[in-house]
Protein backbone atom coordinates (compact mmCIF):
# COMPACT_ATOMS: atom_id res chain seq x y z
CA UNK A 1 14.68 -26.51 0.13
CA UNK A 2 11.35 -24.93 -0.77
CA UNK A 3 8.38 -26.91 0.33
CA UNK A 4 5.67 -27.84 -2.17
CA UNK A 5 2.33 -26.10 -1.83
CA UNK A 6 -0.38 -28.08 -0.15
CA UNK A 7 -3.59 -29.01 -1.87
CA UNK A 8 -5.71 -25.86 -2.11
CA UNK A 9 -8.06 -25.38 0.80
CA UNK A 10 -11.71 -24.88 -0.03
CA UNK A 11 -12.48 -21.16 0.02
CA UNK A 12 -15.68 -19.25 -0.56
CA UNK A 13 -14.76 -16.90 -3.39
CA UNK A 14 -17.54 -14.35 -3.69
CA UNK A 15 -17.02 -11.58 -6.20
CA UNK A 16 -18.83 -8.31 -5.59
CA UNK A 17 -21.92 -8.21 -7.82
CA UNK A 18 -21.59 -4.41 -7.89
CA UNK A 19 -18.17 -4.68 -9.54
CA UNK A 20 -18.84 -3.25 -12.99
CA UNK A 21 -15.64 -2.59 -14.97
CA UNK A 22 -12.11 -1.24 -14.81
CA UNK A 23 -11.16 2.34 -15.59
CA UNK A 24 -7.86 4.11 -16.22
CA UNK A 25 -7.18 6.58 -13.42
CA UNK A 26 -5.63 9.02 -15.93
CA UNK A 27 -7.51 8.90 -19.26
CA UNK A 28 -10.72 7.20 -17.97
CA UNK A 29 -10.57 4.43 -20.59
CA UNK A 30 -13.15 1.77 -19.72
CA UNK A 31 -12.02 -1.86 -19.76
CA UNK A 32 -13.61 -5.18 -18.98
CA UNK A 33 -13.03 -6.96 -15.65
CA UNK A 34 -9.83 -8.76 -16.54
CA UNK A 35 -6.26 -8.87 -15.30
CA UNK A 36 -4.08 -6.18 -16.85
CA UNK A 37 -0.91 -5.90 -14.77
CA UNK A 38 0.58 -3.39 -17.23
CA UNK A 39 -2.27 -0.97 -16.56
CA UNK A 40 -3.94 1.16 -19.22
CA UNK A 41 -2.88 0.17 -22.78
CA UNK A 42 -3.56 3.65 -24.17
CA UNK A 43 -1.44 5.44 -21.55
CA UNK A 44 1.32 2.84 -21.84
CA UNK A 45 1.46 3.36 -25.62
CA UNK A 46 1.74 7.11 -25.02
CA UNK A 47 4.75 6.60 -22.73
CA UNK A 48 2.88 7.55 -19.57
CA UNK A 49 1.91 4.20 -17.98
CA UNK A 50 -1.11 4.50 -15.72
CA UNK A 51 -2.91 2.27 -13.24
CA UNK A 52 -6.45 0.98 -13.43
CA UNK A 53 -9.13 1.13 -10.75
CA UNK A 54 -12.29 -0.85 -10.16
CA UNK A 55 -15.65 0.83 -10.73
CA UNK A 56 -18.74 -0.26 -8.80
CA UNK A 57 -22.33 0.10 -10.00
CA UNK A 58 -23.72 2.00 -7.05
CA UNK A 59 -22.11 1.85 -3.64
CA UNK A 60 -23.95 1.15 -0.36
CA UNK A 61 -25.30 4.12 1.55
CA UNK A 62 -23.49 3.15 4.74
CA UNK A 63 -20.06 2.08 5.93
CA UNK A 64 -21.22 -0.58 8.36
CA UNK A 65 -19.14 -3.78 8.24
CA UNK A 66 -20.91 -6.71 6.61
CA UNK A 67 -20.28 -9.07 9.51
CA UNK A 68 -19.26 -11.98 7.31
CA UNK A 69 -16.40 -12.81 4.98
CA UNK A 70 -14.39 -9.80 3.90
CA UNK A 71 -15.48 -7.08 6.29
CA UNK A 72 -16.30 -4.31 3.83
CA UNK A 73 -18.26 -6.38 1.36
CA UNK A 74 -19.65 -4.30 -1.46
CA UNK A 75 -16.98 -1.60 -1.26
CA UNK A 76 -14.28 -4.09 -2.41
CA UNK A 77 -13.85 -6.49 -5.37
CA UNK A 78 -14.41 -9.64 -3.31
CA UNK A 79 -16.92 -10.11 -0.53
CA UNK A 80 -15.27 -13.29 0.71
CA UNK A 81 -12.06 -15.14 0.01
CA UNK A 82 -8.62 -15.95 1.44
CA UNK A 83 -8.27 -14.31 4.83
CA UNK A 84 -5.96 -14.49 7.84
CA UNK A 85 -7.99 -11.95 9.81
CA UNK A 86 -6.62 -8.79 8.21
CA UNK A 87 -8.16 -5.37 8.71
CA UNK A 88 -10.00 -3.84 11.61
CA UNK A 89 -6.82 -2.11 12.79
CA UNK A 90 -7.45 0.54 15.43
CA UNK A 91 -7.65 4.29 14.93
CA UNK A 92 -6.14 5.60 18.16
CA UNK A 93 -5.95 9.17 19.39
CA UNK A 94 -2.61 10.36 20.82
CA UNK A 95 -3.44 13.60 22.66
CA UNK A 96 -0.03 13.94 24.31
CA UNK A 97 1.85 13.67 21.02
CA UNK A 98 -0.68 16.06 19.46
CA UNK A 99 0.21 18.64 22.11
CA UNK A 100 3.93 18.07 21.54
CA UNK A 101 3.54 18.61 17.80
CA UNK A 102 1.08 21.47 18.16
CA UNK A 103 -2.05 20.14 16.42
CA UNK A 104 -5.57 19.90 17.79
CA UNK A 105 -5.85 16.15 17.27
CA UNK A 106 -3.45 13.41 16.22
CA UNK A 107 -4.57 9.86 15.44
CA UNK A 108 -2.71 6.78 14.26
CA UNK A 109 -3.98 3.90 12.12
CA UNK A 110 -1.81 1.02 13.30
CA UNK A 111 -1.41 -1.28 10.29
CA UNK A 112 1.29 -3.25 12.10
CA UNK A 113 -1.56 -5.07 13.84
CA UNK A 114 -2.42 -6.98 10.65
CA UNK A 115 -1.62 -10.73 10.68
CA UNK A 116 1.87 -10.54 9.16
CA UNK A 117 2.63 -7.16 10.69
CA UNK A 118 1.99 -4.71 7.85
CA UNK A 119 -0.63 -3.07 5.65
CA UNK A 120 0.36 -5.41 2.81
CA UNK A 121 -2.06 -8.03 4.15
CA UNK A 122 -4.97 -5.97 2.84
CA UNK A 123 -3.59 -6.21 -0.71
CA UNK A 124 -2.64 -9.88 -0.35
CA UNK A 125 -6.13 -10.92 0.76
CA UNK A 126 -7.85 -9.46 -2.29
CA UNK A 127 -5.06 -10.30 -4.78
CA UNK A 128 -4.59 -13.93 -3.71
CA UNK A 129 -8.36 -14.36 -3.75
CA UNK A 130 -8.32 -13.06 -7.32
CA UNK A 131 -5.56 -15.52 -8.23
CA UNK A 132 -7.66 -18.42 -6.94
CA UNK A 133 -10.76 -17.11 -8.69
CA UNK A 134 -9.09 -17.17 -12.12
CA UNK A 135 -7.47 -20.55 -11.54
CA UNK A 136 -3.84 -19.42 -11.18
CA UNK A 137 -1.30 -21.91 -9.83
CA UNK A 138 1.52 -19.51 -8.98
CA UNK A 139 1.75 -15.98 -7.61
CA UNK A 140 4.88 -13.94 -8.33
CA UNK A 141 5.99 -10.56 -7.02
CA UNK A 142 8.94 -8.25 -6.54
CA UNK A 143 9.43 -7.13 -2.94
CA UNK A 144 12.06 -5.90 -0.54
CA UNK A 145 10.35 -7.35 2.52
CA UNK A 146 6.85 -6.76 3.90
CA UNK A 147 4.93 -7.59 0.72
CA UNK A 148 7.00 -10.75 0.29
CA UNK A 149 6.14 -12.10 3.75
CA UNK A 150 2.50 -11.14 3.37
CA UNK A 151 2.13 -12.76 -0.05
CA UNK A 152 3.89 -15.90 1.15
CA UNK A 153 1.52 -16.23 4.10
CA UNK A 154 -1.64 -15.75 2.05
CA UNK A 155 -0.43 -18.08 -0.69
CA UNK A 156 0.30 -20.71 1.95
CA UNK A 157 -3.26 -20.32 3.24
CA UNK A 158 -4.59 -20.60 -0.32
CA UNK A 159 -2.40 -23.53 -1.36
CA UNK A 160 -0.72 -21.52 -4.13
CA UNK A 161 2.94 -21.37 -5.07
CA UNK A 162 4.58 -18.07 -4.15
CA UNK A 163 7.70 -16.77 -5.87
CA UNK A 164 9.44 -13.63 -4.68
CA UNK A 165 12.04 -11.68 -6.67
CA UNK A 166 14.01 -9.71 -4.12
CA UNK A 167 17.42 -8.23 -3.41
CA UNK A 168 20.47 -10.31 -2.52
CA UNK A 169 20.84 -8.11 0.56
CA UNK A 170 17.36 -8.92 1.92
CA UNK A 171 17.52 -8.94 5.76
CA UNK A 172 17.81 -12.46 7.14
CA UNK A 173 14.60 -12.16 9.17
CA UNK A 174 12.63 -11.86 5.92
CA UNK A 175 14.59 -14.70 4.30
CA UNK A 176 13.75 -16.96 7.24
CA UNK A 177 10.07 -16.02 7.08
CA UNK A 178 9.90 -16.86 3.38
CA UNK A 179 11.55 -20.21 3.98
CA UNK A 180 9.13 -21.14 6.73
CA UNK A 181 6.12 -20.05 4.71
CA UNK A 182 7.23 -22.19 1.77
CA UNK A 183 7.87 -19.36 -0.71
CA UNK A 184 10.59 -19.59 -3.36
CA UNK A 185 13.05 -16.69 -3.30
CA UNK A 186 14.98 -15.40 -6.31
CA UNK A 187 17.73 -12.96 -5.31
CA UNK A 188 19.02 -10.18 -7.57
CA UNK A 189 21.43 -7.27 -7.14
CA UNK A 190 19.43 -4.69 -9.13
CA UNK A 191 15.77 -3.69 -9.21
CA UNK A 192 15.36 -4.02 -13.00
CA UNK A 193 16.57 -7.63 -12.76
CA UNK A 194 13.81 -8.39 -10.27
CA UNK A 195 11.15 -6.83 -12.45
CA UNK A 196 12.37 -8.64 -15.57
CA UNK A 197 12.10 -11.94 -13.72
CA UNK A 198 8.51 -11.16 -12.72
CA UNK A 199 7.67 -9.99 -16.27
CA UNK A 200 8.95 -13.23 -17.78
CA UNK A 201 7.06 -15.38 -15.30
CA UNK A 202 3.82 -13.48 -15.92
CA UNK A 203 3.91 -12.76 -19.64
CA UNK A 204 5.71 -15.88 -20.87
CA UNK A 205 4.78 -18.51 -18.28
CA UNK A 206 1.35 -17.47 -17.01
CA UNK A 207 2.02 -16.72 -13.33
CA UNK A 208 -0.26 -14.27 -11.50
CA UNK A 209 1.38 -10.87 -10.82
CA UNK A 210 0.84 -9.47 -7.36
CA UNK A 211 3.07 -6.39 -7.87
CA UNK A 212 4.21 -4.14 -10.68
CA UNK A 213 7.02 -5.26 -12.97
CA UNK A 214 7.04 -2.51 -15.62
CA UNK A 215 9.47 0.34 -16.25
CA UNK A 216 8.30 3.08 -16.19
CA UNK A 217 6.14 1.67 -13.41
CA UNK A 218 2.44 1.50 -12.74
CA UNK A 219 0.94 0.54 -9.42
CA UNK A 220 0.37 -3.05 -8.38
CA UNK A 221 -2.48 -4.89 -10.16
CA UNK A 222 -5.89 -3.42 -9.48
CA UNK A 223 -7.57 -6.25 -7.55
CA UNK A 224 -4.89 -6.05 -4.86
CA UNK A 225 -4.66 -2.26 -4.60
CA UNK A 226 -8.43 -2.05 -4.11
CA UNK A 227 -7.93 -3.80 -0.76
CA UNK A 228 -6.39 -0.63 0.66
CA UNK A 229 -9.72 1.18 0.31
CA UNK A 230 -10.70 -0.51 3.56
CA UNK A 231 -8.31 1.78 5.48
CA UNK A 232 -10.53 4.75 4.63
CA UNK A 233 -13.73 2.77 5.24
CA UNK A 234 -12.58 1.75 8.71
CA UNK A 235 -11.63 5.32 9.54
CA UNK A 236 -15.09 6.54 8.55
CA UNK A 237 -16.84 3.79 10.49
CA UNK A 238 -14.75 4.68 13.56
CA UNK A 239 -15.57 8.37 13.24
CA UNK A 240 -11.93 9.16 12.45
CA UNK A 241 -12.11 11.39 9.38
CA UNK A 242 -9.06 13.67 9.57
CA UNK A 243 -8.09 16.84 7.76
CA UNK A 244 -4.72 15.39 6.73
CA UNK A 245 -3.32 11.87 6.29
CA UNK A 246 0.42 11.08 6.33
CA UNK A 247 1.18 7.99 4.19
CA UNK A 248 4.71 6.54 3.83
CA UNK A 249 4.97 6.06 0.07
CA UNK A 250 7.10 4.20 -2.46
CA UNK A 251 5.01 3.70 -5.63
CA UNK A 252 1.70 4.74 -4.13
CA UNK A 253 -0.47 1.60 -3.84
CA UNK A 254 -1.51 2.42 -0.28
CA UNK A 255 -1.81 6.14 -1.02
CA UNK A 256 -4.13 5.51 -3.97
CA UNK A 257 -6.27 2.99 -2.11
CA UNK A 258 -6.82 5.38 0.80
CA UNK A 259 -7.60 8.20 -1.62
CA UNK A 260 -10.04 6.01 -3.57
CA UNK A 261 -11.88 5.01 -0.40
CA UNK A 262 -12.21 8.54 0.97
CA UNK A 263 -13.17 9.89 -2.47
CA UNK A 264 -16.07 7.45 -2.80
CA UNK A 265 -17.18 8.04 0.77
CA UNK A 266 -17.25 11.78 0.12
CA UNK A 267 -19.07 11.35 -3.20
CA UNK A 268 -21.70 9.23 -1.44
CA UNK A 269 -22.21 11.95 1.18
CA UNK A 270 -21.00 9.67 3.98
CA UNK A 271 -18.20 12.01 5.10
CA UNK A 272 -18.29 15.80 5.07
CA UNK A 273 -14.79 16.49 3.76
CA UNK A 274 -12.08 14.92 1.66
CA UNK A 275 -8.87 14.54 3.69
CA UNK A 276 -5.70 15.90 2.16
CA UNK A 277 -3.25 13.07 1.53
CA UNK A 278 0.50 13.52 1.90
CA UNK A 279 3.01 11.10 0.40
CA UNK A 280 5.89 10.88 2.87
CA UNK A 281 9.08 9.97 0.99
CA UNK A 282 12.74 9.56 2.06
CA UNK A 283 14.24 11.64 -0.76
CA UNK A 284 12.67 13.85 -3.46
CA UNK A 285 10.69 11.88 -6.04
CA UNK A 286 7.05 12.94 -6.09
CA UNK A 287 8.23 16.29 -4.73
CA UNK A 288 10.22 16.78 -7.94
CA UNK A 289 7.35 15.65 -10.15
CA UNK A 290 5.09 18.19 -8.48
CA UNK A 291 7.65 20.83 -9.44
CA UNK A 292 7.54 19.89 -13.10
CA UNK A 293 9.82 16.89 -13.60
CA UNK A 294 8.54 13.93 -15.60
CA UNK A 295 7.13 11.09 -13.53
CA UNK A 296 8.61 8.49 -15.89
CA UNK A 297 12.25 9.02 -14.92
CA UNK A 298 14.45 7.49 -12.21
CA UNK A 299 14.99 9.50 -9.02
CA UNK A 300 18.22 8.36 -7.37
CA UNK A 301 18.60 8.45 -3.63
CA UNK A 302 19.78 6.43 -0.65
CA UNK A 303 17.85 5.68 2.51
CA UNK A 304 17.51 3.21 5.36
CA UNK A 305 13.71 3.46 5.05
CA UNK A 306 13.78 0.23 3.07
CA UNK A 307 10.01 -0.17 2.70
CA UNK A 308 9.78 3.05 0.65
CA UNK A 309 13.26 3.14 -0.86
CA UNK A 310 12.49 2.80 -4.57
CA UNK A 311 13.54 5.46 -7.05
CA UNK A 312 10.38 5.63 -9.20
CA UNK A 313 7.06 7.46 -9.20
CA UNK A 314 3.67 6.31 -10.47
CA UNK A 315 0.78 8.37 -11.76
CA UNK A 316 -1.45 6.91 -9.05
CA UNK A 317 0.53 8.73 -6.36
CA UNK A 318 0.63 11.90 -8.45
CA UNK A 319 -3.15 11.86 -8.83
CA UNK A 320 -3.91 10.88 -5.22
CA UNK A 321 -1.85 13.76 -3.87
CA UNK A 322 -3.10 16.31 -6.38
CA UNK A 323 -6.78 15.39 -6.37
CA UNK A 324 -6.97 15.33 -2.57
CA UNK A 325 -5.27 18.70 -2.25
CA UNK A 326 -2.21 17.19 -0.58
CA UNK A 327 1.32 16.70 -1.82
CA UNK A 328 4.70 15.23 -0.99
CA UNK A 329 6.81 15.61 2.15
CA UNK A 330 10.47 14.59 2.17
CA UNK A 331 11.71 13.18 5.49
CA UNK A 332 15.27 11.88 5.68
CA UNK A 333 16.43 8.99 7.85
CA UNK A 334 17.34 11.21 10.79
CA UNK A 335 13.87 12.74 10.74
CA UNK A 336 12.24 9.33 10.43
CA UNK A 337 14.30 8.09 13.39
CA UNK A 338 13.16 11.04 15.52
CA UNK A 339 9.55 10.34 14.61
CA UNK A 340 9.83 6.60 15.28
CA UNK A 341 11.41 7.39 18.65
CA UNK A 342 8.55 9.75 19.51
CA UNK A 343 6.04 7.01 18.71
CA UNK A 344 8.05 4.46 20.70
CA UNK A 345 7.81 6.69 23.76
CA UNK A 346 4.02 6.38 23.40
CA UNK A 347 4.22 2.59 23.08
CA UNK A 348 4.22 2.18 19.29
CA UNK A 349 7.06 0.09 17.87
CA UNK A 350 7.00 0.75 14.13
CA UNK A 351 9.24 0.51 11.10
CA UNK A 352 11.42 3.52 10.33
CA UNK A 353 9.34 4.94 7.48
CA UNK A 354 6.21 4.87 9.66
CA UNK A 355 7.98 7.23 12.05
CA UNK A 356 8.60 9.66 9.20
CA UNK A 357 4.97 10.75 9.39
CA UNK A 358 5.56 12.45 12.74
CA UNK A 359 8.34 14.62 11.32
CA UNK A 360 6.25 15.28 8.21
CA UNK A 361 3.59 16.85 10.43
CA UNK A 362 6.18 19.14 12.01
CA UNK A 363 7.43 20.20 8.59
CA UNK A 364 3.96 20.96 7.27
CA UNK A 365 3.14 22.92 10.43
CA UNK A 366 6.30 24.93 9.93
CA UNK A 367 5.24 25.69 6.37
CA UNK A 368 1.72 26.60 7.67
CA UNK A 369 0.25 23.96 5.34
CA UNK A 370 -1.27 22.27 8.36
CA UNK A 371 -3.20 24.45 10.81
CA UNK A 372 -2.89 24.01 14.56
CA UNK A 373 -6.65 23.46 14.66
CA UNK A 374 -6.45 20.43 12.32
CA UNK A 375 -6.87 16.71 12.88
CA UNK A 376 -3.97 14.66 11.46
CA UNK A 377 -3.87 10.90 10.90
CA UNK A 378 -0.61 8.96 10.70
CA UNK A 379 -0.69 5.63 8.85
CA UNK A 380 1.73 3.34 10.70
CA UNK A 381 2.52 0.94 7.88
CA UNK A 382 4.26 -1.88 9.79
CA UNK A 383 5.57 -2.90 13.17
CA UNK A 384 9.28 -2.55 13.84
CA UNK A 385 10.42 -6.11 14.51
CA UNK A 386 11.83 -6.69 11.01
CA UNK A 387 13.27 -3.23 10.38
CA UNK A 388 17.06 -3.49 9.82
CA UNK A 389 17.65 0.19 10.66
CA UNK A 390 20.58 0.87 13.00
CA UNK A 391 20.27 4.21 14.86
CA UNK A 392 24.05 4.27 15.18
CA UNK A 393 24.16 5.04 11.46
CA UNK A 394 22.67 8.49 12.14
CA UNK A 395 25.45 11.00 12.72
């Protein structure tokens, strides 16, 4: 039986005074600071749903951590709020693997070292803080695993109800985590059923949306996605500004956040180049869009890379790849397994899709898109303890 949420803990909820307005990432429509989980109304009406981003009225001239509350202060929507100690994940150089792959420098950003074991904690911290700030009682999301556990943990810390619409086949380790964290799970066989449940709870019953629920999709709501900007900020503060970044990608929340952070750092003159971002996907989706197919269609495919297994594309990933000069790299399960095994031999136990970045580097080197003199960063999205992948399934 689901446990009832506790009385909300007192939290310091400090909104960034520099936070000015929201803007459509496609048509640049300016909107007030309010929750619009469906994204831009103009683009949605035109049949090309598009995400929103936060706009700040002048960013700081440094990337030094603030030392209190949310580490990156004025670069994010909230300066303080619900936290379990997320962020500050290390940027580590792997010279031996760099030599094996044939690049000058290879670094990893190990997001598995976040409190619940994945990058999703960065989104949950900002999004759950937003939910508290507007007086929400319930948070609802659709998730296959990592986002569900993260949201449940942060809602537990905030004293908010958490409802997760997920698949009936969700691995038991995730089911157990949700039970212990007090989240309510709703199981469905098909993705559209999950999203319809979230839509109803948000639009008819007033719950706070932590993820997308629209078809065609947009990215997750803006206040959560902005949390991923900190990945780029930490890289810059650590002196780890690469030429290329490999990002395992489903609908592009993480990809856009990293792009947004590096873009603003470059615009402020705090880094000397804009890294090229590569969406690593398990079967062709963004790759097809970049060859002319419409982003608003379904792209069927099967994969064991469950964290990035969806069949849809968002304009935020299209823009992040295009505007950074990057693109899409397709890495199948066998390639992801090889990459994860290579990382494991260096001591990194990561989920299958995180290993796909290693093989993506090899493929881009083979296509001469990456130079052997380049610095490449792999984003390791989550640790491997919950990954249901069975290597025996690879023939």
